[in-house]
Amino acid sequence: MSSAASGGEPDYVVTLKPGVTLGSGTYVLKFGYNHDRAVRRARSG
């Protein structure tokens, strides 16, 4: 998964596992982050 800011809201690109496909449509995805709280810097690319 990667993200890039545009218009003040994050945009996410989700990469599925090989062989997994989604049909056309609108999806609501839920993400969980399993790490300790810390200051993080955004990386590009």
N, C-alpha and C. Protein backbone atom coordinates (compact mmCIF):
# COMPACT_ATOMS: atom_id res chain seq x y z
N MET A 1 0.84 -1.15 0.00
CA MET A 1 0.00 0.00 0.00
C MET A 1 0.89 1.22 0.00
N SER A 2 0.50 2.23 -0.73
CA SER A 2 1.21 3.49 -0.70
C SER A 2 0.18 4.60 -0.65
N SER A 3 0.62 5.79 -0.26
CA SER A 3 -0.31 6.91 -0.19
C SER A 3 0.35 8.16 -0.72
N ALA A 4 -0.48 9.09 -1.18
CA ALA A 4 -0.01 10.38 -1.66
C ALA A 4 -1.09 11.41 -1.36
N ALA A 5 -0.71 12.53 -0.82
CA ALA A 5 -1.68 13.57 -0.46
C ALA A 5 -2.14 14.32 -1.70
N SER A 6 -3.43 14.60 -1.77
CA SER A 6 -3.99 15.43 -2.83
C SER A 6 -5.26 16.06 -2.30
N GLY A 7 -5.32 17.36 -2.30
CA GLY A 7 -6.52 18.04 -1.82
C GLY A 7 -6.74 17.90 -0.33
N GLY A 8 -5.69 17.63 0.43
CA GLY A 8 -5.82 17.53 1.87
C GLY A 8 -6.27 16.18 2.39
N GLU A 9 -6.65 15.28 1.51
CA GLU A 9 -7.07 13.95 1.94
C GLU A 9 -6.10 12.93 1.36
N PRO A 10 -5.79 11.88 2.11
CA PRO A 10 -4.85 10.88 1.58
C PRO A 10 -5.50 10.04 0.49
N ASP A 11 -4.73 9.72 -0.51
CA ASP A 11 -5.12 8.77 -1.56
C ASP A 11 -4.28 7.53 -1.34
N TYR A 12 -4.88 6.37 -1.44
CA TYR A 12 -4.16 5.14 -1.22
C TYR A 12 -4.19 4.27 -2.46
N VAL A 13 -3.07 3.62 -2.74
CA VAL A 13 -2.99 2.62 -3.79
C VAL A 13 -2.78 1.30 -3.09
N VAL A 14 -3.71 0.38 -3.26
CA VAL A 14 -3.66 -0.92 -2.60
C VAL A 14 -3.23 -1.96 -3.62
N THR A 15 -2.19 -2.71 -3.30
CA THR A 15 -1.72 -3.79 -4.17
C THR A 15 -2.22 -5.11 -3.61
N LEU A 16 -2.97 -5.83 -4.42
CA LEU A 16 -3.52 -7.11 -4.00
C LEU A 16 -2.50 -8.23 -4.20
N LYS A 17 -2.70 -9.31 -3.48
CA LYS A 17 -1.84 -10.48 -3.65
C LYS A 17 -2.02 -11.03 -5.06
N PRO A 18 -0.98 -11.65 -5.61
CA PRO A 18 -1.09 -12.23 -6.95
C PRO A 18 -2.28 -13.18 -7.05
N GLY A 19 -3.06 -13.03 -8.11
CA GLY A 19 -4.20 -13.90 -8.32
C GLY A 19 -5.50 -13.39 -7.71
N VAL A 20 -5.43 -12.36 -6.86
CA VAL A 20 -6.62 -11.79 -6.24
C VAL A 20 -7.10 -10.64 -7.10
N THR A 21 -8.38 -10.64 -7.44
CA THR A 21 -8.95 -9.58 -8.27
C THR A 21 -10.22 -9.04 -7.63
N LEU A 22 -10.56 -7.82 -7.98
CA LEU A 22 -11.81 -7.20 -7.56
C LEU A 22 -12.56 -6.76 -8.80
N GLY A 23 -13.86 -6.94 -8.79
CA GLY A 23 -14.67 -6.48 -9.90
C GLY A 23 -14.83 -4.98 -9.85
N SER A 24 -15.34 -4.41 -10.93
CA SER A 24 -15.59 -2.97 -10.98
C SER A 24 -16.55 -2.57 -9.88
N GLY A 25 -16.35 -1.40 -9.32
CA GLY A 25 -17.25 -0.91 -8.29
C GLY A 25 -16.54 0.00 -7.33
N THR A 26 -17.25 0.35 -6.29
CA THR A 26 -16.72 1.21 -5.23
C THR A 26 -16.55 0.35 -3.99
N TYR A 27 -15.42 0.49 -3.35
CA TYR A 27 -15.11 -0.31 -2.17
C TYR A 27 -14.75 0.58 -1.00
N VAL A 28 -15.11 0.15 0.18
CA VAL A 28 -14.68 0.80 1.41
C VAL A 28 -13.73 -0.18 2.08
N LEU A 29 -12.48 0.24 2.23
CA LEU A 29 -11.46 -0.63 2.79
C LEU A 29 -11.09 -0.18 4.19
N LYS A 30 -10.86 -1.12 5.07
CA LYS A 30 -10.47 -0.83 6.44
C LYS A 30 -9.04 -1.31 6.63
N PHE A 31 -8.21 -0.45 7.18
CA PHE A 31 -6.82 -0.79 7.38
C PHE A 31 -6.49 -0.78 8.85
N GLY A 32 -5.66 -1.69 9.27
CA GLY A 32 -5.18 -1.73 10.64
C GLY A 32 -3.67 -1.60 10.64
N TYR A 33 -3.17 -0.87 11.60
CA TYR A 33 -1.73 -0.69 11.72
C TYR A 33 -1.29 -1.29 13.04
N ASN A 34 -0.37 -2.19 12.99
CA ASN A 34 0.08 -2.89 14.17
C ASN A 34 1.54 -2.49 14.45
N HIS A 35 1.72 -1.33 15.05
CA HIS A 35 3.05 -0.88 15.41
C HIS A 35 2.95 0.07 16.60
N ASP A 36 4.06 0.26 17.27
CA ASP A 36 4.10 1.19 18.39
C ASP A 36 3.91 2.62 17.90
N ARG A 37 3.37 3.46 18.77
CA ARG A 37 3.24 4.88 18.42
C ARG A 37 4.63 5.51 18.36
N ALA A 38 4.84 6.30 17.32
CA ALA A 38 6.11 6.98 17.15
C ALA A 38 5.95 8.05 16.07
N VAL A 39 6.88 8.96 16.03
CA VAL A 39 6.88 9.95 14.96
C VAL A 39 7.34 9.27 13.68
N ARG A 40 6.60 9.42 12.62
CA ARG A 40 6.93 8.79 11.36
C ARG A 40 7.04 9.87 10.28
N ARG A 41 7.95 9.66 9.36
CA ARG A 41 8.10 10.57 8.24
C ARG A 41 7.52 9.90 6.99
N ALA A 42 6.80 10.67 6.20
CA ALA A 42 6.24 10.14 4.96
C ALA A 42 7.37 9.94 3.95
N ARG A 43 7.28 8.85 3.22
CA ARG A 43 8.24 8.59 2.16
C ARG A 43 7.54 8.69 0.83
N SER A 44 8.22 9.20 -0.16
CA SER A 44 7.62 9.27 -1.49
C SER A 44 8.16 8.14 -2.34
N GLY A 45 7.28 7.65 -3.22
CA GLY A 45 7.65 6.69 -4.22
C GLY A 45 7.90 5.35 -3.76
